[in-house]
Amino acid sequence: MTTQEAIAQRIRQLCKEKGFTPNGIAIYSAVPQATVKSILNGESQNPKILSIKKLCDGFGITLGEFFSTEEFDQLEQEIK
């Protein structure tokens, strides 16, 4: 799994847990719907931390909580 896939998976998981659709969290967190779509579809190769922070605010969680999952802990180092 790549970092981008882990981010998209985490956003989908949080949408399900918190009862948001991708469009709903985009509106609620003031992140453009096109940005959320781009992240979820894997088109965004490097999602901005500011966008992720705004999504976290919309979900009512911290950045630490967003990234504190087994999926992120198991990512392989990308610098070789």
PDB file of N, CA and C in Angstrom:
ATOM      1  N   MET A   1       0.856  -1.182   0.000  1.00  0.00           N
ATOM      2  CA  MET A   1       0.000   0.000   0.000  1.00  0.00           C
ATOM      3  C   MET A   1       0.900   1.243   0.000  1.00  0.00           C
ATOM      4  N   THR A   2       0.549   2.212  -0.800  1.00  0.00           N
ATOM      5  CA  THR A   2       1.289   3.469  -0.849  1.00  0.00           C
ATOM      6  C   THR A   2       0.713   4.440   0.182  1.00  0.00           C
ATOM      7  N   THR A   3       1.446   5.491   0.434  1.00  0.00           N
ATOM      8  CA  THR A   3       0.970   6.526   1.354  1.00  0.00           C
ATOM      9  C   THR A   3      -0.335   7.127   0.844  1.00  0.00           C
ATOM     10  N   GLN A   4      -0.408   7.394  -0.471  1.00  0.00           N
ATOM     11  CA  GLN A   4      -1.618   7.978  -1.047  1.00  0.00           C
ATOM     12  C   GLN A   4      -2.818   7.042  -0.845  1.00  0.00           C
ATOM     13  N   GLU A   5      -2.602   5.744  -1.027  1.00  0.00           N
ATOM     14  CA  GLU A   5      -3.697   4.778  -0.825  1.00  0.00           C
ATOM     15  C   GLU A   5      -4.118   4.734   0.639  1.00  0.00           C
ATOM     16  N   ALA A   6      -3.155   4.820   1.545  1.00  0.00           N
ATOM     17  CA  ALA A   6      -3.467   4.807   2.979  1.00  0.00           C
ATOM     18  C   ALA A   6      -4.281   6.038   3.369  1.00  0.00           C
ATOM     19  N   ILE A   7      -3.930   7.187   2.809  1.00  0.00           N
ATOM     20  CA  ILE A   7      -4.676   8.420   3.091  1.00  0.00           C
ATOM     21  C   ILE A   7      -6.111   8.291   2.582  1.00  0.00           C
ATOM     22  N   ALA A   8      -6.273   7.825   1.352  1.00  0.00           N
ATOM     23  CA  ALA A   8      -7.614   7.658   0.782  1.00  0.00           C
ATOM     24  C   ALA A   8      -8.433   6.660   1.599  1.00  0.00           C
ATOM     25  N   GLN A   9      -7.805   5.568   1.985  1.00  0.00           N
ATOM     26  CA  GLN A   9      -8.502   4.554   2.776  1.00  0.00           C
ATOM     27  C   GLN A   9      -8.936   5.125   4.123  1.00  0.00           C
ATOM     28  N   ARG A  10      -8.073   5.921   4.734  1.00  0.00           N
ATOM     29  CA  ARG A  10      -8.396   6.512   6.037  1.00  0.00           C
ATOM     30  C   ARG A  10      -9.557   7.500   5.919  1.00  0.00           C
ATOM     31  N   ILE A  11      -9.577   8.291   4.863  1.00  0.00           N
ATOM     32  CA  ILE A  11     -10.688   9.227   4.660  1.00  0.00           C
ATOM     33  C   ILE A  11     -11.991   8.460   4.465  1.00  0.00           C
ATOM     34  N   ARG A  12     -11.956   7.399   3.661  1.00  0.00           N
ATOM     35  CA  ARG A  12     -13.171   6.579   3.469  1.00  0.00           C
ATOM     36  C   ARG A  12     -13.643   5.981   4.798  1.00  0.00           C
ATOM     37  N   GLN A  13     -12.704   5.476   5.586  1.00  0.00           N
ATOM     38  CA  GLN A  13     -13.026   4.879   6.880  1.00  0.00           C
ATOM     39  C   GLN A  13     -13.678   5.913   7.803  1.00  0.00           C
ATOM     40  N   LEU A  14     -13.103   7.101   7.854  1.00  0.00           N
ATOM     41  CA  LEU A  14     -13.655   8.150   8.710  1.00  0.00           C
ATOM     42  C   LEU A  14     -15.019   8.624   8.225  1.00  0.00           C
ATOM     43  N   CYS A  15     -15.206   8.704   6.919  1.00  0.00           N
ATOM     44  CA  CYS A  15     -16.530   9.067   6.384  1.00  0.00           C
ATOM     45  C   CYS A  15     -17.570   8.063   6.859  1.00  0.00           C
ATOM     46  N   LYS A  16     -17.228   6.783   6.787  1.00  0.00           N
ATOM     47  CA  LYS A  16     -18.156   5.737   7.211  1.00  0.00           C
ATOM     48  C   LYS A  16     -18.432   5.830   8.710  1.00  0.00           C
ATOM     49  N   GLU A  17     -17.365   5.980   9.506  1.00  0.00           N
ATOM     50  CA  GLU A  17     -17.516   6.059  10.961  1.00  0.00           C
ATOM     51  C   GLU A  17     -18.312   7.277  11.401  1.00  0.00           C
ATOM     52  N   LYS A  18     -18.085   8.416  10.742  1.00  0.00           N
ATOM     53  CA  LYS A  18     -18.688   9.674  11.176  1.00  0.00           C
ATOM     54  C   LYS A  18     -19.972  10.012  10.423  1.00  0.00           C
ATOM     55  N   GLY A  19     -20.343   9.167   9.447  1.00  0.00           N
ATOM     56  CA  GLY A  19     -21.599   9.375   8.735  1.00  0.00           C
ATOM     57  C   GLY A  19     -21.566  10.456   7.667  1.00  0.00           C
ATOM     58  N   PHE A  20     -20.405  10.655   7.059  1.00  0.00           N
ATOM     59  CA  PHE A  20     -20.266  11.635   5.986  1.00  0.00           C
ATOM     60  C   PHE A  20     -20.144  10.933   4.637  1.00  0.00           C
ATOM     61  N   THR A  21     -20.644  11.579   3.608  1.00  0.00           N
ATOM     62  CA  THR A  21     -20.296  11.197   2.244  1.00  0.00           C
ATOM     63  C   THR A  21     -19.029  11.973   1.895  1.00  0.00           C
ATOM     64  N   PRO A  22     -18.292  11.559   0.870  1.00  0.00           N
ATOM     65  CA  PRO A  22     -17.126  12.361   0.471  1.00  0.00           C
ATOM     66  C   PRO A  22     -17.494  13.815   0.156  1.00  0.00           C
ATOM     67  N   ASN A  23     -18.615  14.028  -0.528  1.00  0.00           N
ATOM     68  CA  ASN A  23     -19.039  15.402  -0.815  1.00  0.00           C
ATOM     69  C   ASN A  23     -19.432  16.133   0.456  1.00  0.00           C
ATOM     70  N   GLY A  24     -20.049  15.416   1.379  1.00  0.00           N
ATOM     71  CA  GLY A  24     -20.470  16.028   2.637  1.00  0.00           C
ATOM     72  C   GLY A  24     -19.290  16.512   3.463  1.00  0.00           C
ATOM     73  N   ILE A  25     -18.250  15.688   3.578  1.00  0.00           N
ATOM     74  CA  ILE A  25     -17.083  16.113   4.361  1.00  0.00           C
ATOM     75  C   ILE A  25     -16.346  17.239   3.645  1.00  0.00           C
ATOM     76  N   ALA A  26     -16.375  17.240   2.326  1.00  0.00           N
ATOM     77  CA  ALA A  26     -15.746  18.333   1.575  1.00  0.00           C
ATOM     78  C   ALA A  26     -16.420  19.657   1.926  1.00  0.00           C
ATOM     79  N   ILE A  27     -17.727  19.666   1.911  1.00  0.00           N
ATOM     80  CA  ILE A  27     -18.474  20.886   2.224  1.00  0.00           C
ATOM     81  C   ILE A  27     -18.255  21.278   3.693  1.00  0.00           C
ATOM     82  N   TYR A  28     -18.371  20.316   4.590  1.00  0.00           N
ATOM     83  CA  TYR A  28     -18.278  20.582   6.025  1.00  0.00           C
ATOM     84  C   TYR A  28     -16.890  21.070   6.427  1.00  0.00           C
ATOM     85  N   SER A  29     -15.849  20.580   5.742  1.00  0.00           N
ATOM     86  CA  SER A  29     -14.480  20.940   6.114  1.00  0.00           C
ATOM     87  C   SER A  29     -13.890  22.050   5.247  1.00  0.00           C
ATOM     88  N   ALA A  30     -14.659  22.546   4.287  1.00  0.00           N
ATOM     89  CA  ALA A  30     -14.218  23.620   3.388  1.00  0.00           C
ATOM     90  C   ALA A  30     -13.038  23.205   2.512  1.00  0.00           C
ATOM     91  N   VAL A  31     -12.994  21.932   2.165  1.00  0.00           N
ATOM     92  CA  VAL A  31     -12.017  21.428   1.199  1.00  0.00           C
ATOM     93  C   VAL A  31     -12.770  21.257  -0.114  1.00  0.00           C
ATOM     94  N   PRO A  32     -12.251  21.777  -1.211  1.00  0.00           N
ATOM     95  CA  PRO A  32     -12.976  21.631  -2.476  1.00  0.00           C
ATOM     96  C   PRO A  32     -13.307  20.169  -2.780  1.00  0.00           C
ATOM     97  N   GLN A  33     -14.520  19.955  -3.290  1.00  0.00           N
ATOM     98  CA  GLN A  33     -14.940  18.594  -3.629  1.00  0.00           C
ATOM     99  C   GLN A  33     -13.976  17.952  -4.619  1.00  0.00           C
ATOM    100  N   ALA A  34     -13.441  18.744  -5.533  1.00  0.00           N
ATOM    101  CA  ALA A  34     -12.494  18.215  -6.516  1.00  0.00           C
ATOM    102  C   ALA A  34     -11.229  17.696  -5.835  1.00  0.00           C
ATOM    103  N   THR A  35     -10.823  18.350  -4.754  1.00  0.00           N
ATOM    104  CA  THR A  35      -9.641  17.908  -4.016  1.00  0.00           C
ATOM    105  C   THR A  35      -9.905  16.575  -3.328  1.00  0.00           C
ATOM    106  N   VAL A  36     -11.042  16.464  -2.671  1.00  0.00           N
ATOM    107  CA  VAL A  36     -11.396  15.209  -2.005  1.00  0.00           C
ATOM    108  C   VAL A  36     -11.494  14.093  -3.030  1.00  0.00           C
ATOM    109  N   LYS A  37     -12.151  14.364  -4.142  1.00  0.00           N
ATOM    110  CA  LYS A  37     -12.289  13.361  -5.215  1.00  0.00           C
ATOM    111  C   LYS A  37     -10.916  12.937  -5.729  1.00  0.00           C
ATOM    112  N   SER A  38     -10.037  13.893  -5.925  1.00  0.00           N
ATOM    113  CA  SER A  38      -8.694  13.617  -6.425  1.00  0.00           C
ATOM    114  C   SER A  38      -7.912  12.727  -5.453  1.00  0.00           C
ATOM    115  N   ILE A  39      -8.039  12.991  -4.164  1.00  0.00           N
ATOM    116  CA  ILE A  39      -7.360  12.178  -3.158  1.00  0.00           C
ATOM    117  C   ILE A  39      -7.943  10.763  -3.150  1.00  0.00           C
ATOM    118  N   LEU A  40      -9.261  10.664  -3.130  1.00  0.00           N
ATOM    119  CA  LEU A  40      -9.915   9.356  -3.043  1.00  0.00           C
ATOM    120  C   LEU A  40      -9.703   8.503  -4.291  1.00  0.00           C
ATOM    121  N   ASN A  41      -9.570   9.146  -5.440  1.00  0.00           N
ATOM    122  CA  ASN A  41      -9.378   8.404  -6.692  1.00  0.00           C
ATOM    123  C   ASN A  41      -7.912   8.141  -7.010  1.00  0.00           C
ATOM    124  N   GLY A  42      -7.019   8.569  -6.124  1.00  0.00           N
ATOM    125  CA  GLY A  42      -5.601   8.331  -6.334  1.00  0.00           C
ATOM    126  C   GLY A  42      -4.962   9.236  -7.367  1.00  0.00           C
ATOM    127  N   GLU A  43      -5.662  10.294  -7.744  1.00  0.00           N
ATOM    128  CA  GLU A  43      -5.127  11.226  -8.740  1.00  0.00           C
ATOM    129  C   GLU A  43      -4.149  12.207  -8.113  1.00  0.00           C
ATOM    130  N   SER A  44      -4.312  12.462  -6.822  1.00  0.00           N
ATOM    131  CA  SER A  44      -3.432  13.379  -6.110  1.00  0.00           C
ATOM    132  C   SER A  44      -2.230  12.586  -5.604  1.00  0.00           C
ATOM    133  N   GLN A  45      -1.068  12.838  -6.174  1.00  0.00           N
ATOM    134  CA  GLN A  45       0.126  12.105  -5.786  1.00  0.00           C
ATOM    135  C   GLN A  45       0.708  12.596  -4.462  1.00  0.00           C
ATOM    136  N   ASN A  46       0.357  13.822  -4.076  1.00  0.00           N
ATOM    137  CA  ASN A  46       0.912  14.396  -2.861  1.00  0.00           C
ATOM    138  C   ASN A  46      -0.125  15.317  -2.213  1.00  0.00           C
ATOM    139  N   PRO A  47      -1.115  14.729  -1.514  1.00  0.00           N
ATOM    140  CA  PRO A  47      -2.139  15.572  -0.883  1.00  0.00           C
ATOM    141  C   PRO A  47      -1.502  16.539   0.106  1.00  0.00           C
ATOM    142  N   LYS A  48      -1.945  17.784   0.064  1.00  0.00           N
ATOM    143  CA  LYS A  48      -1.384  18.806   0.953  1.00  0.00           C
ATOM    144  C   LYS A  48      -1.808  18.542   2.387  1.00  0.00           C
ATOM    145  N   ILE A  49      -0.875  18.774   3.306  1.00  0.00           N
ATOM    146  CA  ILE A  49      -1.163  18.582   4.722  1.00  0.00           C
ATOM    147  C   ILE A  49      -2.264  19.531   5.180  1.00  0.00           C
ATOM    148  N   LEU A  50      -2.358  20.725   4.590  1.00  0.00           N
ATOM    149  CA  LEU A  50      -3.424  21.653   4.949  1.00  0.00           C
ATOM    150  C   LEU A  50      -4.796  21.070   4.607  1.00  0.00           C
ATOM    151  N   SER A  51      -4.916  20.404   3.470  1.00  0.00           N
ATOM    152  CA  SER A  51      -6.187  19.760   3.110  1.00  0.00           C
ATOM    153  C   SER A  51      -6.522  18.646   4.094  1.00  0.00           C
ATOM    154  N   ILE A  52      -5.522  17.853   4.457  1.00  0.00           N
ATOM    155  CA  ILE A  52      -5.758  16.773   5.418  1.00  0.00           C
ATOM    156  C   ILE A  52      -6.138  17.353   6.779  1.00  0.00           C
ATOM    157  N   LYS A  53      -5.479  18.464   7.182  1.00  0.00           N
ATOM    158  CA  LYS A  53      -5.809  19.118   8.457  1.00  0.00           C
ATOM    159  C   LYS A  53      -7.245  19.619   8.454  1.00  0.00           C
ATOM    160  N   LYS A  54      -7.678  20.226   7.362  1.00  0.00           N
ATOM    161  CA  LYS A  54      -9.061  20.710   7.274  1.00  0.00           C
ATOM    162  C   LYS A  54     -10.043  19.542   7.341  1.00  0.00           C
ATOM    163  N   LEU A  55      -9.717  18.440   6.671  1.00  0.00           N
ATOM    164  CA  LEU A  55     -10.582  17.256   6.740  1.00  0.00           C
ATOM    165  C   LEU A  55     -10.640  16.737   8.176  1.00  0.00           C
ATOM    166  N   CYS A  56      -9.497  16.708   8.856  1.00  0.00           N
ATOM    167  CA  CYS A  56      -9.468  16.279  10.255  1.00  0.00           C
ATOM    168  C   CYS A  56     -10.358  17.172  11.108  1.00  0.00           C
ATOM    169  N   ASP A  57     -10.280  18.482  10.883  1.00  0.00           N
ATOM    170  CA  ASP A  57     -11.142  19.412  11.614  1.00  0.00           C
ATOM    171  C   ASP A  57     -12.612  19.079  11.369  1.00  0.00           C
ATOM    172  N   GLY A  58     -12.945  18.780  10.124  1.00  0.00           N
ATOM    173  CA  GLY A  58     -14.319  18.412   9.795  1.00  0.00           C
ATOM    174  C   GLY A  58     -14.757  17.119  10.470  1.00  0.00           C
ATOM    175  N   PHE A  59     -13.830  16.175  10.572  1.00  0.00           N
ATOM    176  CA  PHE A  59     -14.133  14.904  11.236  1.00  0.00           C
ATOM    177  C   PHE A  59     -14.099  15.026  12.761  1.00  0.00           C
ATOM    178  N   GLY A  60     -13.536  16.137  13.265  1.00  0.00           N
ATOM    179  CA  GLY A  60     -13.434  16.328  14.701  1.00  0.00           C
ATOM    180  C   GLY A  60     -12.300  15.526  15.324  1.00  0.00           C
ATOM    181  N   ILE A  61     -11.213  15.339  14.563  1.00  0.00           N
ATOM    182  CA  ILE A  61     -10.062  14.593  15.072  1.00  0.00           C
ATOM    183  C   ILE A  61      -8.789  15.409  14.837  1.00  0.00           C
ATOM    184  N   THR A  62      -7.712  14.980  15.471  1.00  0.00           N
ATOM    185  CA  THR A  62      -6.424  15.635  15.271  1.00  0.00           C
ATOM    186  C   THR A  62      -5.669  14.961  14.127  1.00  0.00           C
ATOM    187  N   LEU A  63      -4.634  15.636  13.652  1.00  0.00           N
ATOM    188  CA  LEU A  63      -3.758  15.016  12.650  1.00  0.00           C
ATOM    189  C   LEU A  63      -3.133  13.746  13.211  1.00  0.00           C
ATOM    190  N   GLY A  64      -2.762  13.779  14.486  1.00  0.00           N
ATOM    191  CA  GLY A  64      -2.194  12.589  15.121  1.00  0.00           C
ATOM    192  C   GLY A  64      -3.150  11.417  15.079  1.00  0.00           C
ATOM    193  N   GLU A  65      -4.423  11.673  15.349  1.00  0.00           N
ATOM    194  CA  GLU A  65      -5.426  10.608  15.305  1.00  0.00           C
ATOM    195  C   GLU A  65      -5.616  10.100  13.873  1.00  0.00           C
ATOM    196  N   PHE A  66      -5.528  11.003  12.906  1.00  0.00           N
ATOM    197  CA  PHE A  66      -5.685  10.603  11.505  1.00  0.00           C
ATOM    198  C   PHE A  66      -4.600   9.601  11.117  1.00  0.00           C
ATOM    199  N   PHE A  67      -3.359   9.920  11.482  1.00  0.00           N
ATOM    200  CA  PHE A  67      -2.231   9.100  11.050  1.00  0.00           C
ATOM    201  C   PHE A  67      -1.893   7.970  12.009  1.00  0.00           C
ATOM    202  N   SER A  68      -2.542   7.904  13.154  1.00  0.00           N
ATOM    203  CA  SER A  68      -2.244   6.872  14.141  1.00  0.00           C
ATOM    204  C   SER A  68      -3.064   5.615  13.877  1.00  0.00           C
ATOM    205  N   THR A  69      -2.704   4.935  12.787  1.00  0.00           N
ATOM    206  CA  THR A  69      -3.372   3.682  12.439  1.00  0.00           C
ATOM    207  C   THR A  69      -2.323   2.664  12.023  1.00  0.00           C
ATOM    208  N   GLU A  70      -2.705   1.424  12.070  1.00  0.00           N
ATOM    209  CA  GLU A  70      -1.796   0.344  11.687  1.00  0.00           C
ATOM    210  C   GLU A  70      -1.350   0.476  10.231  1.00  0.00           C
ATOM    211  N   GLU A  71      -2.251   0.943   9.368  1.00  0.00           N
ATOM    212  CA  GLU A  71      -1.901   1.087   7.948  1.00  0.00           C
ATOM    213  C   GLU A  71      -0.733   2.048   7.758  1.00  0.00           C
ATOM    214  N   PHE A  72      -0.761   3.174   8.475  1.00  0.00           N
ATOM    215  CA  PHE A  72       0.339   4.136   8.345  1.00  0.00           C
ATOM    216  C   PHE A  72       1.614   3.609   9.015  1.00  0.00           C
ATOM    217  N   ASP A  73       1.453   2.903  10.128  1.00  0.00           N
ATOM    218  CA  ASP A  73       2.621   2.352  10.824  1.00  0.00           C
ATOM    219  C   ASP A  73       3.345   1.302   9.987  1.00  0.00           C
ATOM    220  N   GLN A  74       2.596   0.620   9.120  1.00  0.00           N
ATOM    221  CA  GLN A  74       3.188  -0.464   8.327  1.00  0.00           C
ATOM    222  C   GLN A  74       3.693  -0.027   6.962  1.00  0.00           C
ATOM    223  N   LEU A  75       3.549   1.246   6.630  1.00  0.00           N
ATOM    224  CA  LEU A  75       4.047   1.717   5.330  1.00  0.00           C
ATOM    225  C   LEU A  75       5.548   1.544   5.260  1.00  0.00           C
ATOM    226  N   GLU A  76       6.004   1.101   4.098  1.00  0.00           N
ATOM    227  CA  GLU A  76       7.442   0.966   3.892  1.00  0.00           C
ATOM    228  C   GLU A  76       8.049   2.336   3.638  1.00  0.00           C
ATOM    229  N   GLN A  77       9.308   2.460   3.991  1.00  0.00           N
ATOM    230  CA  GLN A  77      10.015   3.711   3.748  1.00  0.00           C
ATOM    231  C   GLN A  77      10.055   3.972   2.251  1.00  0.00           C
ATOM    232  N   GLU A  78       9.760   5.220   1.878  1.00  0.00           N
ATOM    233  CA  GLU A  78       9.690   5.561   0.459  1.00  0.00           C
ATOM    234  C   GLU A  78      10.997   6.128  -0.076  1.00  0.00           C
ATOM    235  N   ILE A  79      11.927   6.410   0.802  1.00  0.00           N
ATOM    236  CA  ILE A  79      13.257   6.881   0.360  1.00  0.00           C
ATOM    237  C   ILE A  79      14.194   5.684   0.411  1.00  0.00           C
ATOM    238  N   LYS A  80      14.767   5.392  -0.722  1.00  0.00           N
ATOM    239  CA  LYS A  80      15.655   4.214  -0.777  1.00  0.00           C
ATOM    240  C   LYS A  80      16.974   4.586  -1.348  1.00  0.00           C
TER     241      LYS A  80
END
